[in-house]
Amino acid sequence: MRISELAQAVQQPSPDAGPFADVYGKVAGVVAWGVPAISVLMIIGLGVWFGYAYMDPSQDETKPKKVLLWSVVGGAIASGAATIVNWAYGSG
C-alpha cells in the first residue's frame, strides 16, 4: 500500500474549537457593539460639556476641548481595530 493511499484511508478528525468557542463569540459580539456605542455616548456627553464650558465665561474651555479631541481619536482607533478584527475573522 502506498503512503498516499494510506493517507486517504485514514480519517482525520476535524479540529475541535473547545468548550469556550461560543462564549468567545458572544463576548466578542457584545464588545463589538458596546465599544462604538459607548464611544458615541461619550462624544455626545463631551460635546455638551464643551458647549457648557464655552458658554460659561468662568470656565476654561481648553480641558473639554482636549478631552473631546482625544475621545474622537480613541473612537477612530477603536473603529479601526474593530475593522481589522472583523476582516481577520471574515465577518466584515
C-alpha atoms as a PDB file:
ATOM      1  CA  MET A   1       0.000   0.000   0.000  1.00  0.00           C
ATOM      2  CA  ARG A   2       1.334   3.418  -0.904  1.00  0.00           C
ATOM      3  CA  ILE A   3       1.634   6.211   1.588  1.00  0.00           C
ATOM      4  CA  SER A   4      -0.791   8.405  -0.382  1.00  0.00           C
ATOM      5  CA  GLU A   5      -3.418   5.638  -0.368  1.00  0.00           C
ATOM      6  CA  LEU A   6      -2.871   5.121   3.323  1.00  0.00           C
ATOM      7  CA  ALA A   7      -3.239   8.837   3.983  1.00  0.00           C
ATOM      8  CA  GLN A   8      -6.536   8.881   2.120  1.00  0.00           C
ATOM      9  CA  ALA A   9      -7.807   5.853   4.014  1.00  0.00           C
ATOM     10  CA  VAL A  10      -7.127   7.332   7.451  1.00  0.00           C
ATOM     11  CA  GLN A  11      -9.944   9.564   8.644  1.00  0.00           C
ATOM     12  CA  GLN A  12      -8.714  12.821  10.095  1.00  0.00           C
ATOM     13  CA  PRO A  13     -10.837  14.254  12.899  1.00  0.00           C
ATOM     14  CA  SER A  14     -11.979  17.814  12.482  1.00  0.00           C
ATOM     15  CA  PRO A  15     -10.362  20.234  14.937  1.00  0.00           C
ATOM     16  CA  ASP A  16     -12.479  20.966  17.972  1.00  0.00           C
ATOM     17  CA  ALA A  17     -12.821  24.631  18.880  1.00  0.00           C
ATOM     18  CA  GLY A  18     -13.201  23.768  22.533  1.00  0.00           C
ATOM     19  CA  PRO A  19     -15.907  24.492  25.063  1.00  0.00           C
ATOM     20  CA  PHE A  20     -15.300  28.246  25.134  1.00  0.00           C
ATOM     21  CA  ALA A  21     -15.709  28.959  21.410  1.00  0.00           C
ATOM     22  CA  ASP A  22     -19.364  30.006  21.768  1.00  0.00           C
ATOM     23  CA  VAL A  23     -18.598  32.112  24.835  1.00  0.00           C
ATOM     24  CA  TYR A  24     -15.798  33.913  22.994  1.00  0.00           C
ATOM     25  CA  GLY A  25     -18.123  34.616  20.075  1.00  0.00           C
ATOM     26  CA  LYS A  26     -20.774  36.104  22.353  1.00  0.00           C
ATOM     27  CA  VAL A  27     -18.268  38.224  24.291  1.00  0.00           C
ATOM     28  CA  ALA A  28     -16.682  39.457  21.071  1.00  0.00           C
ATOM     29  CA  GLY A  29     -20.130  40.381  19.729  1.00  0.00           C
ATOM     30  CA  VAL A  30     -21.016  42.340  22.854  1.00  0.00           C
ATOM     31  CA  VAL A  31     -17.665  44.148  22.793  1.00  0.00           C
ATOM     32  CA  ALA A  32     -18.022  44.851  19.063  1.00  0.00           C
ATOM     33  CA  TRP A  33     -21.323  46.640  19.716  1.00  0.00           C
ATOM     34  CA  GLY A  34     -20.514  48.044  23.151  1.00  0.00           C
ATOM     35  CA  VAL A  35     -17.312  49.915  22.338  1.00  0.00           C
ATOM     36  CA  PRO A  36     -18.787  52.014  19.491  1.00  0.00           C
ATOM     37  CA  ALA A  37     -21.978  52.678  21.478  1.00  0.00           C
ATOM     38  CA  ILE A  38     -20.011  53.893  24.491  1.00  0.00           C
ATOM     39  CA  SER A  39     -17.760  55.972  22.231  1.00  0.00           C
ATOM     40  CA  VAL A  40     -20.724  57.721  20.633  1.00  0.00           C
ATOM     41  CA  LEU A  41     -22.352  58.403  24.003  1.00  0.00           C
ATOM     42  CA  MET A  42     -19.101  59.811  25.396  1.00  0.00           C
ATOM     43  CA  ILE A  43     -18.599  62.058  22.374  1.00  0.00           C
ATOM     44  CA  ILE A  44     -22.140  63.410  22.772  1.00  0.00           C
ATOM     45  CA  GLY A  45     -21.621  63.983  26.511  1.00  0.00           C
ATOM     46  CA  LEU A  46     -18.271  65.657  25.944  1.00  0.00           C
ATOM     47  CA  GLY A  47     -19.810  67.867  23.267  1.00  0.00           C
ATOM     48  CA  VAL A  48     -22.389  69.020  25.804  1.00  0.00           C
ATOM     49  CA  TRP A  49     -19.620  69.638  28.349  1.00  0.00           C
ATOM     50  CA  PHE A  50     -17.633  71.608  25.777  1.00  0.00           C
ATOM     51  CA  GLY A  51     -20.698  73.683  24.861  1.00  0.00           C
ATOM     52  CA  TYR A  52     -21.392  74.434  28.512  1.00  0.00           C
ATOM     53  CA  ALA A  53     -17.765  75.430  29.135  1.00  0.00           C
ATOM     54  CA  TYR A  54     -17.789  77.594  26.008  1.00  0.00           C
ATOM     55  CA  MET A  55     -20.935  79.452  27.092  1.00  0.00           C
ATOM     56  CA  ASP A  56     -19.850  79.959  30.708  1.00  0.00           C
ATOM     57  CA  PRO A  57     -17.122  82.624  30.827  1.00  0.00           C
ATOM     58  CA  SER A  58     -15.926  81.494  34.257  1.00  0.00           C
ATOM     59  CA  GLN A  59     -14.824  78.089  32.921  1.00  0.00           C
ATOM     60  CA  ASP A  60     -11.793  77.264  30.848  1.00  0.00           C
ATOM     61  CA  GLU A  61     -12.817  75.504  27.642  1.00  0.00           C
ATOM     62  CA  THR A  62      -9.392  74.041  26.824  1.00  0.00           C
ATOM     63  CA  LYS A  63      -9.849  70.954  29.034  1.00  0.00           C
ATOM     64  CA  PRO A  64     -13.163  69.821  27.474  1.00  0.00           C
ATOM     65  CA  LYS A  65     -11.732  70.607  24.038  1.00  0.00           C
ATOM     66  CA  LYS A  66      -8.728  68.325  24.667  1.00  0.00           C
ATOM     67  CA  VAL A  67     -10.858  65.560  26.140  1.00  0.00           C
ATOM     68  CA  LEU A  68     -13.266  65.746  23.201  1.00  0.00           C
ATOM     69  CA  LEU A  69     -10.390  65.619  20.720  1.00  0.00           C
ATOM     70  CA  TRP A  70      -8.823  62.583  22.378  1.00  0.00           C
ATOM     71  CA  SER A  71     -12.161  60.791  22.612  1.00  0.00           C
ATOM     72  CA  VAL A  72     -12.637  61.243  18.860  1.00  0.00           C
ATOM     73  CA  VAL A  73      -9.111  59.912  18.299  1.00  0.00           C
ATOM     74  CA  GLY A  74      -9.872  56.946  20.598  1.00  0.00           C
ATOM     75  CA  GLY A  75     -13.099  56.272  18.714  1.00  0.00           C
ATOM     76  CA  ALA A  76     -11.218  56.270  15.410  1.00  0.00           C
ATOM     77  CA  ILE A  77      -8.650  53.830  16.828  1.00  0.00           C
ATOM     78  CA  ALA A  78     -11.402  51.566  18.208  1.00  0.00           C
ATOM     79  CA  SER A  79     -13.204  51.662  14.861  1.00  0.00           C
ATOM     80  CA  GLY A  80     -10.012  50.739  13.026  1.00  0.00           C
ATOM     81  CA  ALA A  81      -9.346  47.896  15.463  1.00  0.00           C
ATOM     82  CA  ALA A  82     -12.886  46.565  15.021  1.00  0.00           C
ATOM     83  CA  THR A  83     -12.467  46.684  11.243  1.00  0.00           C
ATOM     84  CA  ILE A  84      -9.218  44.738  11.454  1.00  0.00           C
ATOM     85  CA  VAL A  85     -10.744  42.114  13.758  1.00  0.00           C
ATOM     86  CA  ASN A  86     -13.816  41.739  11.504  1.00  0.00           C
ATOM     87  CA  TRP A  87     -11.561  41.353   8.485  1.00  0.00           C
ATOM     88  CA  ALA A  88      -9.383  38.797  10.272  1.00  0.00           C
ATOM     89  CA  TYR A  89     -12.367  36.675  11.281  1.00  0.00           C
ATOM     90  CA  GLY A  90     -14.065  37.076   7.911  1.00  0.00           C
ATOM     91  CA  SER A  91     -17.274  38.668   9.152  1.00  0.00           C
ATOM     92  CA  GLY A  92     -16.728  42.106   7.680  1.00  0.00           C
END
